[in-house]
Amino acid sequence: MKSPLIKMLLLTAGAVLFNTLFWEEKIAVNAMLFAVFIVSSVFYLYPAAFNGPIVKWLLVAHCLTIATVIFHNTNLSKLAFMVTLLLVITFSQYRHRSVGYAAASGVMNYLLAIPAFFSTLAGLKLNHPGGAGIGKSIRLLLIPLLLLCVFFLLYQYANAMFKTLLNDMGIALQHFFNTIFSWFSLSRFVFFITGLLVTTGLLLKSRVAYFSEKDVSRKDDLTRTKHSLLKWQRSSWFDLLSLFLGRFASGVLALRNENRTAVTSLFLLNILLLCINVVDVVYVWFGFKYNNDINLSDYVHEGTGLLIFSILLAMVLLLFFFRGNLNFYKRNKWLRFGAYAWLLQNGVLVISVLFRDYYYIVHYGLAYKRIGVLVFLLMVLVGLITVFYKIHQRKTAYYLLRVNGWCVMIVLVISSGVHWDETIARYNLARKDTIALDVKFLLTLSDKTLPLLGNNATVLEGNLINQTGTEGEPFYRSALAPKQVFENRKKAFFEARQRHSWLSWNRADEQVYWLLTQTHRPPVARQ
C-alpha cells in the first residue's frame, strides 16, 4: 500500500499535467502523454495488476485506441480511448471478469472521488518525526549560503560571459513565472479542478468493492438446485407463473407444466415468425423492386424495430424458460428444439433487415444510422450465437452478459480504427450521379471530408433551402449557400490550427491541411 503522500503527489502531478496538456487543445497527441502518466501511476500504485492477462489485453486495446486517436482523431476513437483507459484502471484496481461490472466500479470511483481525495489528504502526517532535523539543517547551511552569495556577486561582475548567461537565465525564469501566473484565472482554475477530479477518479480506488465482489461471485455454469417449496412460493418468479398457470404453477408437476407452457409458447411464436420470414424471403430477398412509392427509410426502420422487438422477446423468453432447473428436466427436448428454431428464425430476420439496409445504402448512400444498423445486426448475430451456446451448454445469464459485453468492447475498438466520416463522404461522392446526394449531411461531417468536398465542387452548387427530410437536416443550421458554408469551414479549420499547439497534432488534421493548401493557401500573419 503506497503512502498518502505519494498518492497526493501523483494526483497533483496528474492535475497539472491535465491542465497543461488539454487547456484549449484538441484531444490528440496529448491524450497519449496523459495516458502514459495515468497507466504508469496505476501500475506503480497497484504493481500486481499487470500480472493478469485481462489487463494486458486491455492495455493492448488501449494502445490501439491511442493510435486511432492520433491517426483518425474521430469522436468514436476518442470514446474508445476513454472507455479502454477506464477499463484498464478498474481491472487493475479490482478483481473483475465482466466489462459491465468493471464499468460500474469505475463509475463508483468517480462518485466517491471527492471523499477519497479528502481521505487521502487527511492521511498525510503533517507532524513528521524528522521535522526537528529540518531546523538544524537550515542553521548549518546558513554560513555556506552567505559565502555562496558573496562569491556569486564577485564572479558576476568579474566575468562578462557568466553575467550574460545569468541574464538569459533570468529572462527564461521570468517567462516561466509569467506562464505560471497566467494560469490563475477563474476558467483555468476550474479546468485545474476538473483535471484533479479526473485524475482522482482514475488513480484512487474506492473502498466500496460491491461490484467487484458481485462479479467474482457470479458463475458461468448452471447447477441443479433443490428449492424449498415454501421459498419458491414466495418468489417473484412464482408470482409471475401463478398469474398465467394458476394452481399448475405449484406442486410436484410444476416443472412439467412449465415445460408444456414454454413448448406451446415457442411453437406459436415460431409459426408467427415463420410467416413473417416467408414474406420477407419472397418479397425482400428475391422480389424487391425499388420505385418512388417506397419509403426506404420507413422500410428499414420498421424492419429494425421488428428485429429489436423479436430479439428482446427471444432473450426474455429464453432466459425465463432456461433460468434454472428446467435446463435439467429430462423431457425438455422439444423445448430446446423450439428455442433453437426461434434463434434460427431470428437469424433469418437479421438477413432480411440486412437486405433492407443494403437497398437503402444503394439508393441513398451511407449515413450514420445505416452503418449503425449494420453494427447492430452484427451484435445481434453474436447475441443469437451466445444464447444458443447458453442453452446448449447450460450457462447462466451472467455468462451471456459477460461474453456479449466483451464482444461490444471488441467491436468498439475495431470500429474506432475506421474514419467513418471520410468513408461516408468518399462512398457517397463517388456515386453522386446515381444516388440522391444529401449535401446537408455531407456539410455536417468532420474536417477530414473537406478536401473531398473541395474536389467535388459541383455538389456545392445550388440552394438547400427546399431540401427537407434529409439525414443532415437536424444538424445543418445555416441559411448560406453550400459553397459559402464550405469556405467558412475551411477558414475555421485554418484558424483553429493556428490556435492549437503541437499537443493537438494528429495525422488527420495534418493531411487535411496539406490537401487544402494545394488549392487554398491560409492567410499569413504580417510581422
Protein backbone atom coordinates (compact mmCIF):
# COMPACT_ATOMS: atom_id res chain seq x y z
CA MET A 1 0.00 0.00 0.00
CA LYS A 2 1.53 3.29 -1.11
CA SER A 3 1.66 6.20 1.33
CA PRO A 4 -0.87 9.05 1.17
CA LEU A 5 1.99 11.43 0.38
CA ILE A 6 2.86 9.54 -2.81
CA LYS A 7 -0.80 9.43 -3.83
CA MET A 8 -1.19 13.18 -3.28
CA LEU A 9 1.94 13.87 -5.30
CA LEU A 10 0.60 11.76 -8.18
CA LEU A 11 -2.80 13.44 -8.01
CA THR A 12 -1.24 16.90 -8.05
CA ALA A 13 1.09 15.97 -10.90
CA GLY A 14 -1.83 14.50 -12.83
CA ALA A 15 -3.93 17.64 -12.37
CA VAL A 16 -1.06 19.90 -13.51
CA LEU A 17 -0.38 17.63 -16.47
CA PHE A 18 -4.05 17.58 -17.44
CA ASN A 19 -4.15 21.37 -17.23
CA THR A 20 -1.02 21.73 -19.33
CA LEU A 21 -1.90 19.17 -21.99
CA PHE A 22 -5.60 19.83 -22.62
CA TRP A 23 -6.15 23.52 -21.98
CA GLU A 24 -7.59 24.95 -25.22
CA GLU A 25 -6.26 21.95 -27.12
CA LYS A 26 -7.81 19.09 -29.06
CA ILE A 27 -7.58 15.52 -27.82
CA ALA A 28 -4.68 14.17 -29.88
CA VAL A 29 -1.01 13.60 -29.00
CA ASN A 30 -1.72 14.98 -25.52
CA ALA A 31 -4.02 12.00 -24.90
CA MET A 32 -1.08 9.64 -25.36
CA LEU A 33 1.07 11.61 -22.90
CA PHE A 34 -1.68 11.72 -20.30
CA ALA A 35 -2.41 8.00 -20.73
CA VAL A 36 1.27 7.13 -20.23
CA PHE A 37 1.28 9.03 -16.93
CA ILE A 38 -2.02 7.53 -15.70
CA VAL A 39 -1.21 3.94 -16.63
CA SER A 40 2.32 4.19 -15.19
CA SER A 41 0.91 5.64 -11.96
CA VAL A 42 -1.71 2.90 -11.69
CA PHE A 43 0.84 0.14 -12.20
CA TYR A 44 3.05 1.82 -9.59
CA LEU A 45 0.19 2.02 -7.09
CA TYR A 46 -1.06 -1.50 -7.88
CA PRO A 47 2.03 -3.42 -9.08
CA ALA A 48 0.34 -6.83 -9.05
CA ALA A 49 -2.24 -5.68 -11.61
CA PHE A 50 -0.04 -6.24 -14.67
CA ASN A 51 0.23 -9.95 -13.91
CA GLY A 52 -3.36 -10.52 -15.03
CA PRO A 53 -3.89 -11.50 -18.71
CA ILE A 54 -7.07 -9.40 -18.97
CA VAL A 55 -5.18 -6.25 -18.01
CA LYS A 56 -2.52 -6.99 -20.62
CA TRP A 57 -5.09 -7.46 -23.37
CA LEU A 58 -6.91 -4.30 -22.30
CA LEU A 59 -3.63 -2.44 -22.37
CA VAL A 60 -3.06 -3.62 -25.95
CA ALA A 61 -6.58 -2.46 -26.87
CA HIS A 62 -5.92 0.89 -25.20
CA CYS A 63 -2.69 1.35 -27.18
CA LEU A 64 -4.66 0.67 -30.37
CA THR A 65 -7.22 3.34 -29.45
CA ILE A 66 -4.40 5.82 -28.76
CA ALA A 67 -3.13 5.12 -32.28
CA THR A 68 -6.60 5.68 -33.75
CA VAL A 69 -6.93 8.98 -31.86
CA ILE A 70 -3.66 10.22 -33.36
CA PHE A 71 -4.30 8.72 -36.79
CA HIS A 72 -8.03 9.40 -37.29
CA ASN A 73 -8.99 11.74 -34.41
CA THR A 74 -12.69 10.88 -34.62
CA ASN A 75 -15.21 11.12 -31.81
CA LEU A 76 -15.55 7.33 -31.87
CA SER A 77 -11.80 6.85 -31.43
CA LYS A 78 -11.82 9.29 -28.50
CA LEU A 79 -14.73 7.41 -26.92
CA ALA A 80 -12.90 4.10 -27.34
CA PHE A 81 -9.78 5.70 -25.81
CA MET A 82 -11.69 6.81 -22.71
CA VAL A 83 -13.55 3.51 -22.29
CA THR A 84 -10.44 1.35 -22.61
CA LEU A 85 -8.48 3.61 -20.24
CA LEU A 86 -11.25 3.32 -17.63
CA LEU A 87 -11.31 -0.47 -18.01
CA VAL A 88 -7.51 -0.76 -17.71
CA ILE A 89 -7.77 1.20 -14.45
CA THR A 90 -10.70 -0.71 -12.93
CA PHE A 91 -9.34 -4.14 -13.85
CA SER A 92 -6.04 -3.08 -12.24
CA GLN A 93 -7.69 -1.89 -9.04
CA TYR A 94 -10.34 -4.59 -8.57
CA ARG A 95 -10.94 -8.24 -9.34
CA HIS A 96 -13.28 -8.37 -12.32
CA ARG A 97 -14.33 -10.69 -15.14
CA SER A 98 -17.12 -8.69 -16.73
CA VAL A 99 -16.97 -5.39 -18.61
CA GLY A 100 -20.30 -4.28 -17.14
CA TYR A 101 -19.29 -4.76 -13.51
CA ALA A 102 -15.88 -3.18 -14.16
CA ALA A 103 -17.53 -0.12 -15.71
CA ALA A 104 -19.78 0.10 -12.65
CA SER A 105 -16.68 0.07 -10.40
CA GLY A 106 -15.21 2.90 -12.49
CA VAL A 107 -18.39 4.95 -12.07
CA MET A 108 -18.28 4.22 -8.32
CA ASN A 109 -14.71 5.56 -8.21
CA TYR A 110 -15.90 8.86 -9.64
CA LEU A 111 -18.98 9.08 -7.43
CA LEU A 112 -16.73 8.68 -4.38
CA ALA A 113 -13.76 10.63 -5.80
CA ILE A 114 -14.18 13.66 -3.52
CA PRO A 115 -14.42 11.62 -0.26
CA ALA A 116 -11.45 9.51 -1.43
CA PHE A 117 -9.40 12.65 -2.10
CA PHE A 118 -10.02 14.18 1.32
CA SER A 119 -9.47 10.81 2.99
CA THR A 120 -6.04 10.61 1.34
CA LEU A 121 -5.34 14.23 2.26
CA ALA A 122 -6.23 13.52 5.89
CA GLY A 123 -3.79 10.61 5.89
CA LEU A 124 -0.80 12.88 5.41
CA LYS A 125 1.38 13.11 8.50
CA LEU A 126 1.88 16.82 8.89
CA ASN A 127 3.93 16.45 12.05
CA HIS A 128 6.70 14.37 10.54
CA PRO A 129 9.19 12.88 13.07
CA GLY A 130 12.07 14.35 11.14
CA GLY A 131 10.73 17.88 11.39
CA ALA A 132 13.15 18.82 14.19
CA GLY A 133 16.07 17.97 11.97
CA ILE A 134 14.99 20.45 9.32
CA GLY A 135 15.70 23.46 11.53
CA LYS A 136 19.12 22.09 12.37
CA SER A 137 19.96 21.62 8.68
CA ILE A 138 18.93 25.19 7.90
CA ARG A 139 21.20 26.58 10.66
CA LEU A 140 24.14 24.53 9.40
CA LEU A 141 23.60 25.76 5.83
CA LEU A 142 23.33 29.45 6.79
CA ILE A 143 27.06 30.29 6.64
CA PRO A 144 27.74 28.32 3.39
CA LEU A 145 24.81 30.08 1.71
CA LEU A 146 26.10 33.51 2.74
CA LEU A 147 29.55 32.69 1.34
CA LEU A 148 27.93 31.43 -1.88
CA CYS A 149 26.07 34.74 -2.33
CA VAL A 150 29.23 36.82 -1.81
CA PHE A 151 31.29 34.90 -4.35
CA PHE A 152 28.32 34.74 -6.75
CA LEU A 153 28.24 38.56 -6.88
CA LEU A 154 32.02 38.75 -7.34
CA TYR A 155 32.03 36.28 -10.26
CA GLN A 156 29.06 38.01 -11.88
CA TYR A 157 30.87 41.36 -12.14
CA ALA A 158 34.24 39.79 -12.93
CA ASN A 159 33.11 37.54 -15.83
CA ALA A 160 31.09 39.10 -18.68
CA MET A 161 30.12 35.74 -20.23
CA PHE A 162 28.89 34.48 -16.87
CA LYS A 163 26.83 37.67 -16.45
CA THR A 164 25.28 37.25 -19.92
CA LEU A 165 24.40 33.65 -19.13
CA LEU A 166 22.75 34.73 -15.88
CA ASN A 167 20.73 37.39 -17.72
CA ASP A 168 19.46 34.77 -20.18
CA MET A 169 18.54 32.51 -17.31
CA GLY A 170 16.69 35.39 -15.64
CA ILE A 171 14.68 36.08 -18.79
CA ALA A 172 13.79 32.37 -19.05
CA LEU A 173 12.69 32.28 -15.41
CA GLN A 174 10.64 35.44 -15.88
CA HIS A 175 8.90 33.87 -18.88
CA PHE A 176 8.30 30.71 -16.86
CA PHE A 177 6.71 32.55 -13.95
CA ASN A 178 4.63 34.72 -16.31
CA THR A 179 3.28 31.49 -17.81
CA ILE A 180 2.59 30.09 -14.35
CA PHE A 181 0.74 33.21 -13.20
CA SER A 182 -1.28 33.29 -16.43
CA TRP A 183 -2.92 30.10 -15.20
CA PHE A 184 -4.53 31.88 -12.28
CA SER A 185 -7.77 32.83 -13.99
CA LEU A 186 -11.16 31.56 -12.92
CA SER A 187 -11.64 29.43 -16.03
CA ARG A 188 -8.13 27.97 -15.74
CA PHE A 189 -8.68 27.24 -12.05
CA VAL A 190 -11.96 25.44 -12.83
CA PHE A 191 -10.14 23.46 -15.51
CA PHE A 192 -7.43 22.56 -12.98
CA ILE A 193 -10.08 21.31 -10.54
CA THR A 194 -11.61 19.29 -13.38
CA GLY A 195 -8.22 17.72 -14.06
CA LEU A 196 -7.81 16.96 -10.36
CA LEU A 197 -11.23 15.28 -10.31
CA VAL A 198 -10.43 13.25 -13.45
CA THR A 199 -7.09 12.13 -12.04
CA THR A 200 -8.59 11.31 -8.64
CA GLY A 201 -11.31 9.16 -10.20
CA LEU A 202 -8.69 7.25 -12.18
CA LEU A 203 -5.96 6.78 -9.58
CA LEU A 204 -7.76 6.44 -6.24
CA LYS A 205 -9.50 3.17 -5.59
CA SER A 206 -12.83 3.37 -3.80
CA ARG A 207 -13.23 1.46 -0.58
CA VAL A 208 -16.56 0.16 -1.86
CA ALA A 209 -15.90 -3.13 -3.66
CA TYR A 210 -19.55 -4.06 -4.12
CA PHE A 211 -19.43 -4.61 -7.89
CA SER A 212 -16.13 -6.47 -7.71
CA GLU A 213 -17.49 -8.87 -5.11
CA LYS A 214 -20.66 -9.42 -7.13
CA ASP A 215 -18.66 -10.04 -10.29
CA VAL A 216 -16.34 -12.58 -8.69
CA SER A 217 -19.23 -14.43 -7.02
CA ARG A 218 -21.09 -14.98 -10.31
CA LYS A 219 -20.79 -18.34 -12.07
CA ASP A 220 -20.78 -19.27 -15.75
CA ASP A 221 -22.30 -22.76 -15.43
CA LEU A 222 -25.78 -23.56 -14.22
CA THR A 223 -26.15 -26.10 -11.41
CA ARG A 224 -29.22 -28.02 -10.45
CA THR A 225 -30.50 -26.92 -7.06
CA LYS A 226 -33.29 -28.10 -4.85
CA HIS A 227 -35.61 -25.31 -3.83
CA SER A 228 -37.78 -25.22 -0.77
CA LEU A 229 -41.44 -25.27 -1.81
CA LEU A 230 -42.26 -22.53 0.70
CA LYS A 231 -39.35 -20.38 -0.53
CA TRP A 232 -40.36 -20.96 -4.17
CA GLN A 233 -43.94 -19.88 -3.48
CA ARG A 234 -42.66 -16.62 -2.00
CA SER A 235 -40.51 -15.73 -5.02
CA SER A 236 -41.40 -13.26 -7.77
CA TRP A 237 -40.96 -15.98 -10.43
CA PHE A 238 -43.71 -17.99 -8.76
CA ASP A 239 -45.99 -14.95 -8.69
CA LEU A 240 -45.41 -14.46 -12.43
CA LEU A 241 -46.10 -18.10 -13.25
CA SER A 242 -49.15 -18.18 -10.99
CA LEU A 243 -50.57 -15.24 -12.91
CA PHE A 244 -50.81 -17.46 -16.01
CA LEU A 245 -50.79 -21.05 -14.72
CA GLY A 246 -52.74 -20.67 -11.51
CA ARG A 247 -52.55 -23.78 -9.34
CA PHE A 248 -50.49 -25.59 -12.00
CA ALA A 249 -47.51 -23.43 -11.04
CA SER A 250 -47.07 -25.32 -7.77
CA GLY A 251 -46.90 -28.94 -6.75
CA VAL A 252 -44.81 -31.85 -7.93
CA LEU A 253 -45.86 -31.37 -11.57
CA ALA A 254 -44.99 -27.66 -11.70
CA LEU A 255 -41.82 -28.22 -13.73
CA ARG A 256 -43.65 -30.39 -16.26
CA ASN A 257 -46.46 -27.82 -16.58
CA GLU A 258 -43.91 -25.03 -17.06
CA ASN A 259 -42.21 -27.10 -19.78
CA ARG A 260 -45.52 -27.61 -21.60
CA THR A 261 -46.29 -23.90 -21.44
CA ALA A 262 -42.85 -23.00 -22.76
CA VAL A 263 -43.08 -25.51 -25.64
CA THR A 264 -46.52 -24.22 -26.63
CA SER A 265 -45.39 -20.60 -26.48
CA LEU A 266 -42.32 -21.18 -28.64
CA PHE A 267 -44.34 -23.28 -31.10
CA LEU A 268 -46.85 -20.45 -31.66
CA LEU A 269 -44.18 -17.77 -31.83
CA ASN A 270 -42.18 -19.82 -34.32
CA ILE A 271 -45.23 -20.12 -36.55
CA LEU A 272 -45.80 -16.35 -36.39
CA LEU A 273 -42.19 -15.53 -37.16
CA LEU A 274 -42.12 -18.17 -39.92
CA CYS A 275 -44.94 -16.33 -41.71
CA ILE A 276 -43.05 -13.05 -41.47
CA ASN A 277 -39.82 -14.63 -42.69
CA VAL A 278 -41.54 -16.30 -45.66
CA VAL A 279 -42.96 -12.94 -46.72
CA ASP A 280 -39.53 -11.31 -46.37
CA VAL A 281 -37.76 -14.05 -48.32
CA VAL A 282 -40.26 -13.81 -51.17
CA TYR A 283 -40.62 -10.03 -51.38
CA VAL A 284 -37.37 -8.71 -49.87
CA TRP A 285 -34.71 -11.29 -50.66
CA PHE A 286 -35.72 -12.13 -54.21
CA GLY A 287 -38.66 -9.94 -55.24
CA PHE A 288 -37.66 -6.42 -54.26
CA LYS A 289 -38.06 -3.74 -56.93
CA TYR A 290 -37.39 -0.13 -55.97
CA ASN A 291 -39.76 2.62 -57.05
CA ASN A 292 -40.51 6.14 -55.85
CA ASP A 293 -43.61 4.99 -53.98
CA ILE A 294 -41.44 3.06 -51.46
CA ASN A 295 -40.20 4.96 -48.44
CA LEU A 296 -36.94 3.17 -47.83
CA SER A 297 -36.44 5.00 -44.53
CA ASP A 298 -39.62 3.52 -43.08
CA TYR A 299 -38.82 0.26 -44.85
CA VAL A 300 -35.56 -0.09 -42.92
CA HIS A 301 -36.72 1.36 -39.62
CA GLU A 302 -39.80 -0.87 -39.47
CA GLY A 303 -37.64 -3.94 -40.05
CA THR A 304 -35.16 -2.83 -37.40
CA GLY A 305 -37.94 -2.15 -34.91
CA LEU A 306 -39.37 -5.61 -35.54
CA LEU A 307 -35.93 -7.12 -35.11
CA ILE A 308 -35.35 -5.31 -31.82
CA PHE A 309 -38.71 -6.46 -30.51
CA SER A 310 -38.16 -10.03 -31.65
CA ILE A 311 -34.68 -10.26 -30.17
CA LEU A 312 -35.76 -8.74 -26.86
CA LEU A 313 -38.72 -11.09 -26.74
CA ALA A 314 -36.48 -14.03 -27.58
CA MET A 315 -33.95 -13.07 -24.91
CA VAL A 316 -36.58 -12.55 -22.23
CA LEU A 317 -38.46 -15.73 -23.07
CA LEU A 318 -35.43 -17.94 -23.35
CA LEU A 319 -33.77 -16.53 -20.25
CA PHE A 320 -37.03 -17.08 -18.38
CA PHE A 321 -37.62 -20.63 -19.58
CA PHE A 322 -33.97 -21.67 -19.21
CA ARG A 323 -33.31 -19.84 -15.96
CA GLY A 324 -32.95 -22.83 -13.66
CA ASN A 325 -33.94 -26.46 -13.21
CA LEU A 326 -35.85 -26.60 -16.49
CA ASN A 327 -32.40 -26.89 -18.11
CA PHE A 328 -32.05 -30.28 -16.38
CA TYR A 329 -35.58 -31.52 -16.99
CA LYS A 330 -35.28 -34.86 -18.83
CA ARG A 331 -38.25 -34.18 -21.12
CA ASN A 332 -37.23 -30.73 -22.33
CA LYS A 333 -36.15 -31.97 -25.77
CA TRP A 334 -38.98 -30.19 -27.62
CA LEU A 335 -38.38 -27.03 -25.61
CA ARG A 336 -34.77 -26.99 -26.77
CA PHE A 337 -35.77 -27.63 -30.38
CA GLY A 338 -38.29 -24.79 -30.18
CA ALA A 339 -35.63 -22.46 -28.75
CA TYR A 340 -33.15 -23.40 -31.49
CA ALA A 341 -35.79 -22.82 -34.16
CA TRP A 342 -36.65 -19.46 -32.59
CA LEU A 343 -32.99 -18.42 -32.69
CA LEU A 344 -32.58 -19.64 -36.28
CA GLN A 345 -35.62 -17.68 -37.43
CA ASN A 346 -34.34 -14.55 -35.75
CA GLY A 347 -31.14 -15.12 -37.73
CA VAL A 348 -33.25 -15.17 -40.91
CA LEU A 349 -34.86 -11.93 -39.76
CA VAL A 350 -31.40 -10.42 -39.37
CA ILE A 351 -30.68 -11.22 -43.01
CA SER A 352 -33.99 -9.61 -44.03
CA VAL A 353 -33.10 -6.38 -42.28
CA LEU A 354 -29.62 -6.58 -43.81
CA PHE A 355 -31.24 -6.62 -47.26
CA ARG A 356 -33.40 -3.62 -46.36
CA ASP A 357 -30.37 -1.67 -45.17
CA TYR A 358 -28.45 -2.70 -48.30
CA TYR A 359 -31.22 -1.33 -50.55
CA TYR A 360 -31.26 1.88 -48.52
CA ILE A 361 -27.48 2.34 -48.92
CA VAL A 362 -27.56 1.53 -52.64
CA HIS A 363 -30.21 4.19 -53.37
CA TYR A 364 -29.37 6.87 -50.79
CA GLY A 365 -25.74 6.28 -49.81
CA LEU A 366 -24.07 5.76 -46.47
CA ALA A 367 -25.07 7.54 -43.25
CA TYR A 368 -24.55 7.08 -39.53
CA LYS A 369 -27.86 5.31 -38.91
CA ARG A 370 -27.37 2.91 -41.82
CA ILE A 371 -23.91 1.99 -40.58
CA GLY A 372 -25.36 1.73 -37.07
CA VAL A 373 -27.89 -0.81 -38.35
CA LEU A 374 -25.05 -2.93 -39.73
CA VAL A 375 -23.20 -2.83 -36.40
CA PHE A 376 -26.41 -3.65 -34.56
CA LEU A 377 -27.04 -6.63 -36.83
CA LEU A 378 -23.51 -7.87 -36.14
CA MET A 379 -24.12 -7.67 -32.39
CA VAL A 380 -27.49 -9.39 -32.80
CA LEU A 381 -25.82 -12.31 -34.58
CA VAL A 382 -23.29 -12.55 -31.76
CA GLY A 383 -26.15 -12.45 -29.26
CA LEU A 384 -28.03 -15.24 -31.05
CA ILE A 385 -24.91 -17.43 -31.10
CA THR A 386 -24.22 -16.86 -27.40
CA VAL A 387 -27.85 -17.55 -26.46
CA PHE A 388 -27.65 -20.83 -28.40
CA TYR A 389 -24.44 -21.70 -26.56
CA LYS A 390 -26.01 -20.75 -23.23
CA ILE A 391 -28.92 -23.12 -23.79
CA HIS A 392 -26.85 -25.93 -25.27
CA GLN A 393 -24.14 -25.83 -22.59
CA ARG A 394 -26.42 -24.79 -19.70
CA LYS A 395 -24.77 -21.46 -19.00
CA THR A 396 -26.01 -18.68 -16.73
CA ALA A 397 -27.42 -15.29 -17.72
CA TYR A 398 -24.26 -13.76 -16.22
CA TYR A 399 -22.19 -15.71 -18.75
CA LEU A 400 -24.37 -14.34 -21.54
CA LEU A 401 -23.94 -10.73 -20.41
CA ARG A 402 -20.22 -11.14 -19.75
CA VAL A 403 -19.42 -12.59 -23.19
CA ASN A 404 -21.58 -10.07 -25.04
CA GLY A 405 -20.03 -7.23 -23.05
CA TRP A 406 -16.57 -8.24 -24.24
CA CYS A 407 -17.89 -8.54 -27.80
CA VAL A 408 -19.16 -4.96 -27.60
CA MET A 409 -15.72 -3.85 -26.47
CA ILE A 410 -14.04 -5.65 -29.37
CA VAL A 411 -16.43 -4.06 -31.88
CA LEU A 412 -15.85 -0.63 -30.31
CA VAL A 413 -12.06 -0.89 -30.57
CA ILE A 414 -12.12 -2.26 -34.14
CA SER A 415 -14.69 0.27 -35.38
CA SER A 416 -12.63 3.13 -33.91
CA GLY A 417 -9.94 2.22 -36.44
CA VAL A 418 -12.14 3.41 -39.33
CA HIS A 419 -12.67 7.07 -40.17
CA TRP A 420 -16.38 6.75 -40.81
CA ASP A 421 -16.94 10.35 -41.92
CA GLU A 422 -14.32 10.02 -44.64
CA THR A 423 -15.72 6.62 -45.64
CA ILE A 424 -19.25 8.04 -45.90
CA ALA A 425 -18.17 11.07 -47.92
CA ARG A 426 -15.93 9.08 -50.25
CA TYR A 427 -18.63 6.45 -50.91
CA ASN A 428 -21.45 8.96 -51.49
CA LEU A 429 -19.45 11.36 -53.63
CA ALA A 430 -18.23 8.50 -55.82
CA ARG A 431 -21.90 7.74 -56.58
CA LYS A 432 -23.17 11.32 -56.82
CA ASP A 433 -24.64 10.64 -60.27
CA THR A 434 -26.65 7.58 -59.21
CA ILE A 435 -27.91 8.36 -55.68
CA ALA A 436 -29.88 11.17 -54.10
CA LEU A 437 -26.92 13.03 -52.62
CA ASP A 438 -27.59 14.58 -49.20
CA VAL A 439 -25.43 17.71 -49.37
CA LYS A 440 -26.64 18.99 -45.99
CA PHE A 441 -25.42 15.80 -44.37
CA LEU A 442 -22.05 15.99 -46.13
CA LEU A 443 -21.52 19.54 -44.87
CA THR A 444 -22.01 18.39 -41.27
CA LEU A 445 -19.28 15.74 -41.42
CA SER A 446 -15.84 16.25 -39.84
CA ASP A 447 -13.00 18.32 -41.26
CA LYS A 448 -11.43 15.20 -42.78
CA THR A 449 -14.07 15.41 -45.55
CA LEU A 450 -13.24 18.99 -46.60
CA PRO A 451 -10.70 18.00 -49.30
CA LEU A 452 -13.20 15.52 -50.74
CA LEU A 453 -15.88 18.20 -50.92
CA GLY A 454 -13.39 20.61 -52.45
CA ASN A 455 -12.61 18.11 -55.20
CA ASN A 456 -16.34 17.77 -55.95
CA ALA A 457 -17.24 21.44 -56.20
CA THR A 458 -20.28 20.75 -58.37
CA VAL A 459 -22.17 19.21 -55.44
CA LEU A 460 -21.85 22.51 -53.56
CA GLU A 461 -23.70 24.47 -56.23
CA GLY A 462 -27.35 25.33 -55.77
CA ASN A 463 -29.62 26.08 -52.84
CA LEU A 464 -30.51 23.72 -49.98
CA ILE A 465 -33.46 25.63 -48.55
CA ASN A 466 -36.03 23.36 -50.19
CA GLN A 467 -34.28 20.13 -49.20
CA THR A 468 -36.20 18.69 -46.27
CA GLY A 469 -36.24 15.33 -44.54
CA THR A 470 -32.53 14.72 -45.14
CA GLU A 471 -30.12 12.95 -42.81
CA GLY A 472 -28.18 16.14 -42.10
CA GLU A 473 -31.14 18.46 -41.62
CA PRO A 474 -31.19 18.17 -37.79
CA PHE A 475 -27.51 19.30 -37.71
CA TYR A 476 -27.46 21.79 -40.59
CA ARG A 477 -28.10 25.27 -39.20
CA SER A 478 -27.21 27.73 -41.95
CA ALA A 479 -29.09 29.88 -44.46
CA LEU A 480 -25.94 30.33 -46.56
CA ALA A 481 -25.30 28.64 -49.87
CA PRO A 482 -23.40 25.32 -49.64
CA LYS A 483 -20.32 26.85 -51.27
CA GLN A 484 -20.17 29.59 -48.64
CA VAL A 485 -20.63 27.11 -45.81
CA PHE A 486 -17.75 25.08 -47.22
CA GLU A 487 -15.50 28.17 -47.43
CA ASN A 488 -16.40 29.19 -43.88
CA ARG A 489 -15.49 25.74 -42.62
CA LYS A 490 -12.13 25.87 -44.38
CA LYS A 491 -11.41 29.27 -42.83
CA ALA A 492 -12.40 27.99 -39.38
CA PHE A 493 -10.14 24.97 -39.83
CA PHE A 494 -7.09 27.12 -40.62
CA GLU A 495 -7.83 29.48 -37.71
CA ALA A 496 -8.20 26.58 -35.28
CA ARG A 497 -4.92 25.13 -36.49
CA GLN A 498 -3.12 28.39 -35.74
CA ARG A 499 -4.57 28.48 -32.20
CA HIS A 500 -3.52 24.94 -31.30
CA SER A 501 -0.01 23.82 -30.40
CA TRP A 502 1.84 20.60 -31.12
CA LEU A 503 -0.20 18.94 -28.36
CA SER A 504 -3.19 18.89 -30.74
CA TRP A 505 -1.25 17.31 -33.59
CA ASN A 506 -2.90 14.39 -35.34
CA ARG A 507 -2.40 12.85 -38.74
CA ALA A 508 -5.98 13.50 -39.91
CA ASP A 509 -5.70 17.29 -39.48
CA GLU A 510 -2.21 17.27 -40.94
CA GLN A 511 -3.43 15.51 -44.06
CA VAL A 512 -6.41 17.85 -44.41
CA TYR A 513 -4.13 20.88 -44.06
CA TRP A 514 -1.73 19.58 -46.72
CA LEU A 515 -4.54 18.80 -49.17
CA LEU A 516 -6.35 22.10 -48.65
CA THR A 517 -3.20 24.17 -49.04
CA GLN A 518 -2.75 22.74 -52.53
CA THR A 519 -5.69 24.89 -53.66
CA HIS A 520 -6.15 27.35 -50.80
CA ARG A 521 -3.23 28.99 -49.03
CA PRO A 522 -4.01 30.03 -45.44
CA PRO A 523 -3.51 33.72 -44.66
CA VAL A 524 -0.03 34.60 -43.38
CA ALA A 525 0.07 36.99 -40.45
CA ARG A 526 2.05 40.20 -41.07
CA GLN A 527 5.10 40.78 -38.94
